[in-house]
């Protein structure tokens, strides 16, 4: 199957939130999305956005247990957009961002299917100035993003620029290799860093507050 066809070979799924179910579409086979005509790009930034990751599911569920009315929210690396949609359904004013245009297309479609208002924007963490200019936000979200040093280093530099002084960062993570180093650095600079469990034993929620200035 060609990569173009994989975008049209979709499945409809749903996850359970605290307040009900969230329906979404995704490509049936994310691996097919590797574009053989642009191998270098795909190897540097594989189409991870197309998969359903447990961390994204757990972050969405955690968000659905709160009332986010009046809260400005941004999701980094939104993928299919489930946490962003959950935050919007709970009352948040949400911007979902990703470096992959296809991720934004699916996020917008999934938000519409759930009658949720979610704005989308293209964003690369190594060129974040347009995003920074739109902030800061009360709540910054990400899921399963600490899988390599490049991401960890970029987030350590970027997160303080995105969150308000009284805001928070929530990162759902399945125990990736870079997490211990990320926690060491943030504990030395942020006012509050805590790691709390989720419904799954293999997914934890990292919560940061009090950003360094």
Protein backbone atom coordinates (compact mmCIF):
# COMPACT_ATOMS: atom_id res chain seq x y z
CA UNK A 1 0.00 0.00 0.00
CA UNK A 2 1.25 3.48 -0.86
CA UNK A 3 1.56 6.12 1.85
CA UNK A 4 -1.16 8.18 0.15
CA UNK A 5 -3.56 5.24 0.34
CA UNK A 6 -2.76 4.69 4.02
CA UNK A 7 -4.21 8.10 4.82
CA UNK A 8 -7.54 6.89 3.45
CA UNK A 9 -7.47 3.44 5.06
CA UNK A 10 -8.94 4.49 8.39
CA UNK A 11 -10.42 2.85 11.46
CA UNK A 12 -12.91 4.35 13.91
CA UNK A 13 -12.10 3.80 17.57
CA UNK A 14 -13.13 5.19 20.94
CA UNK A 15 -11.66 5.60 24.41
CA UNK A 16 -13.43 5.99 27.72
CA UNK A 17 -13.11 9.31 29.52
CA UNK A 18 -14.32 10.10 33.01
CA UNK A 19 -17.28 11.89 31.47
CA UNK A 20 -18.08 9.49 28.62
CA UNK A 21 -16.50 8.22 25.42
CA UNK A 22 -14.32 9.99 22.88
CA UNK A 23 -14.54 8.74 19.30
CA UNK A 24 -11.70 9.22 16.84
CA UNK A 25 -10.32 8.07 13.53
CA UNK A 26 -6.75 7.05 12.78
CA UNK A 27 -4.84 5.35 9.95
CA UNK A 28 -5.19 1.58 10.15
CA UNK A 29 -1.44 1.00 9.73
CA UNK A 30 0.93 3.80 10.75
CA UNK A 31 3.97 1.92 9.41
CA UNK A 32 2.67 2.28 5.86
CA UNK A 33 2.93 6.05 6.20
CA UNK A 34 6.71 5.91 5.82
CA UNK A 35 7.17 7.78 2.55
CA UNK A 36 9.84 5.99 0.52
CA UNK A 37 10.38 9.14 -1.51
CA UNK A 38 11.55 11.03 1.58
CA UNK A 39 13.27 8.41 3.71
CA UNK A 40 15.61 10.87 5.43
CA UNK A 41 12.74 12.95 6.78
CA UNK A 42 10.78 9.92 7.94
CA UNK A 43 13.79 8.44 9.72
CA UNK A 44 14.36 11.73 11.56
CA UNK A 45 10.68 12.24 12.39
CA UNK A 46 8.72 9.00 11.91
CA UNK A 47 4.91 9.22 11.66
CA UNK A 48 4.42 8.49 15.35
CA UNK A 49 1.39 10.80 15.30
CA UNK A 50 -0.69 8.10 13.59
CA UNK A 51 -0.48 5.52 16.39
CA UNK A 52 -2.68 5.27 19.45
CA UNK A 53 -0.26 5.54 22.38
CA UNK A 54 -1.24 4.48 25.93
CA UNK A 55 0.25 7.69 27.33
CA UNK A 56 -2.10 9.79 25.20
CA UNK A 57 -5.08 7.75 26.32
CA UNK A 58 -4.16 8.11 30.00
CA UNK A 59 -3.48 11.83 29.70
CA UNK A 60 -6.88 12.32 28.07
CA UNK A 61 -8.56 10.40 30.87
CA UNK A 62 -6.72 12.36 33.58
CA UNK A 63 -7.78 15.62 31.96
CA UNK A 64 -11.40 14.50 31.84
CA UNK A 65 -11.52 14.24 35.63
CA UNK A 66 -11.09 18.03 36.00
CA UNK A 67 -13.03 21.15 35.07
CA UNK A 68 -10.83 23.29 32.82
CA UNK A 69 -13.31 26.12 32.27
CA UNK A 70 -11.46 29.39 31.77
CA UNK A 71 -8.10 27.59 31.30
CA UNK A 72 -5.88 28.21 28.31
CA UNK A 73 -4.33 24.94 27.15
CA UNK A 74 -1.72 23.97 24.58
CA UNK A 75 -0.79 20.43 23.58
CA UNK A 76 2.66 19.75 22.16
CA UNK A 77 3.02 16.91 19.68
CA UNK A 78 -0.73 16.36 19.60
CA UNK A 79 -0.78 13.37 17.24
CA UNK A 80 -4.41 12.27 17.00
CA UNK A 81 -5.40 15.02 19.45
CA UNK A 82 -7.03 12.99 22.22
CA UNK A 83 -5.69 14.97 25.22
CA UNK A 84 -6.46 18.27 23.48
CA UNK A 85 -10.01 17.14 22.79
CA UNK A 86 -10.49 15.91 26.36
CA UNK A 87 -9.33 19.27 27.70
CA UNK A 88 -11.68 21.12 25.35
CA UNK A 89 -14.62 18.94 26.34
CA UNK A 90 -13.83 19.81 29.96
CA UNK A 91 -14.10 23.53 29.22
CA UNK A 92 -10.56 24.51 28.23
CA UNK A 93 -9.60 26.89 25.43
CA UNK A 94 -7.24 24.62 23.53
CA UNK A 95 -4.53 24.90 20.92
CA UNK A 96 -3.17 21.60 19.58
CA UNK A 97 0.25 21.69 17.90
CA UNK A 98 2.42 19.24 15.99
CA UNK A 99 5.25 19.36 13.47
CA UNK A 100 3.30 17.03 11.15
CA UNK A 101 0.51 18.62 9.08
CA UNK A 102 -1.29 15.28 8.90
CA UNK A 103 -1.51 15.17 12.69
CA UNK A 104 -3.31 18.50 12.68
CA UNK A 105 -5.71 17.26 10.01
CA UNK A 106 -6.67 14.24 12.09
CA UNK A 107 -6.85 16.26 15.31
CA UNK A 108 -9.24 18.74 13.71
CA UNK A 109 -11.39 15.93 12.33
CA UNK A 110 -11.49 14.13 15.66
CA UNK A 111 -12.34 17.33 17.52
CA UNK A 112 -15.21 17.99 15.14
CA UNK A 113 -16.54 14.46 15.55
CA UNK A 114 -16.74 15.05 19.31
CA UNK A 115 -18.21 18.58 19.02
CA UNK A 116 -15.10 20.01 20.67
CA UNK A 117 -13.53 23.35 19.79
CA UNK A 118 -9.80 22.82 19.26
CA UNK A 119 -7.56 25.18 17.30
CA UNK A 120 -4.53 23.66 15.55
CA UNK A 121 -1.15 25.08 14.60
CA UNK A 122 2.00 23.75 12.96
CA UNK A 123 4.95 23.93 15.34
CA UNK A 124 8.53 22.67 15.44
CA UNK A 125 10.28 22.67 18.81
CA UNK A 126 13.56 23.73 17.21
CA UNK A 127 11.84 26.84 15.81
CA UNK A 128 9.22 27.64 18.48
CA UNK A 129 9.11 31.43 18.30
CA UNK A 130 5.65 31.65 16.65
CA UNK A 131 4.26 29.41 19.37
CA UNK A 132 5.99 31.27 22.19
CA UNK A 133 4.57 34.52 20.85
CA UNK A 134 1.04 33.17 21.34
CA UNK A 135 1.56 32.15 24.96
CA UNK A 136 1.86 31.70 27.78
CA UNK A 137 -0.75 29.09 28.72
CA UNK A 138 -2.16 27.94 32.04
CA UNK A 139 -1.74 24.28 31.09
CA UNK A 140 0.83 22.70 28.77
CA UNK A 141 0.28 19.07 27.72
CA UNK A 142 2.40 16.37 26.09
CA UNK A 143 2.38 12.58 25.99
CA UNK A 144 5.22 10.13 25.30
CA UNK A 145 7.63 12.78 24.08
CA UNK A 146 10.75 11.93 26.13
CA UNK A 147 11.94 9.05 23.96
CA UNK A 148 15.20 10.71 22.84
CA UNK A 149 17.66 13.34 24.02
CA UNK A 150 16.75 15.82 21.28
CA UNK A 151 13.18 16.03 22.54
CA UNK A 152 14.17 16.20 26.19
CA UNK A 153 16.68 19.00 25.65
CA UNK A 154 14.25 21.00 23.53
CA UNK A 155 11.45 20.64 26.06
CA UNK A 156 13.65 21.60 29.00
CA UNK A 157 14.40 24.88 27.20
CA UNK A 158 10.91 25.44 25.79
CA UNK A 159 8.49 24.59 28.60
CA UNK A 160 9.33 27.57 30.87
CA UNK A 161 8.60 29.85 27.93
CA UNK A 162 5.13 28.39 27.38
CA UNK A 163 3.57 28.19 30.85
CA UNK A 164 2.30 30.98 33.08
CA UNK A 165 3.88 31.57 36.48
CA UNK A 166 0.86 29.96 38.16
CA UNK A 167 0.34 27.31 35.48
CA UNK A 168 1.34 23.67 35.10
CA UNK A 169 2.85 21.19 32.67
CA UNK A 170 1.43 17.66 32.41
CA UNK A 171 3.47 15.03 30.58
CA UNK A 172 2.25 11.43 30.39
CA UNK A 173 5.10 8.97 29.95
CA UNK A 174 5.57 5.18 29.79
CA UNK A 175 9.03 5.18 31.38
CA UNK A 176 11.19 6.32 28.50
CA UNK A 177 14.97 6.35 28.79
CA UNK A 178 15.31 10.14 29.04
CA UNK A 179 12.86 10.54 31.94
CA UNK A 180 15.35 10.27 34.85
CA UNK A 181 17.60 12.95 33.37
CA UNK A 182 14.60 15.13 32.53
CA UNK A 183 13.40 14.87 36.13
CA UNK A 184 16.86 15.66 37.52
CA UNK A 185 17.06 18.86 35.49
CA UNK A 186 13.51 20.02 36.16
CA UNK A 187 13.74 19.28 39.90
CA UNK A 188 16.75 21.57 40.04
CA UNK A 189 14.97 24.45 38.32
CA UNK A 190 11.18 24.19 38.74
CA UNK A 191 9.43 24.92 42.02
CA UNK A 192 7.36 21.72 41.98
CA UNK A 193 7.98 18.45 40.18
CA UNK A 194 5.88 15.39 40.95
CA UNK A 195 5.29 12.01 39.37
CA UNK A 196 1.88 10.46 39.95
CA UNK A 197 0.36 7.15 38.79
CA UNK A 198 -2.38 6.71 36.22
CA UNK A 199 -4.81 3.84 35.71
CA UNK A 200 -2.05 1.89 33.94
CA UNK A 201 1.01 0.67 35.78
CA UNK A 202 3.16 1.37 32.74
CA UNK A 203 2.18 5.04 32.37
CA UNK A 204 3.02 7.84 34.80
CA UNK A 205 2.07 11.50 34.84
CA UNK A 206 4.83 14.08 35.32
CA UNK A 207 3.49 17.40 36.63
CA UNK A 208 5.60 20.56 36.72
CA UNK A 209 4.73 23.91 38.30
CA UNK A 210 6.62 27.07 39.13
CA UNK A 211 8.73 27.50 35.98
CA UNK A 212 12.24 28.94 36.16
CA UNK A 213 12.56 32.52 34.96
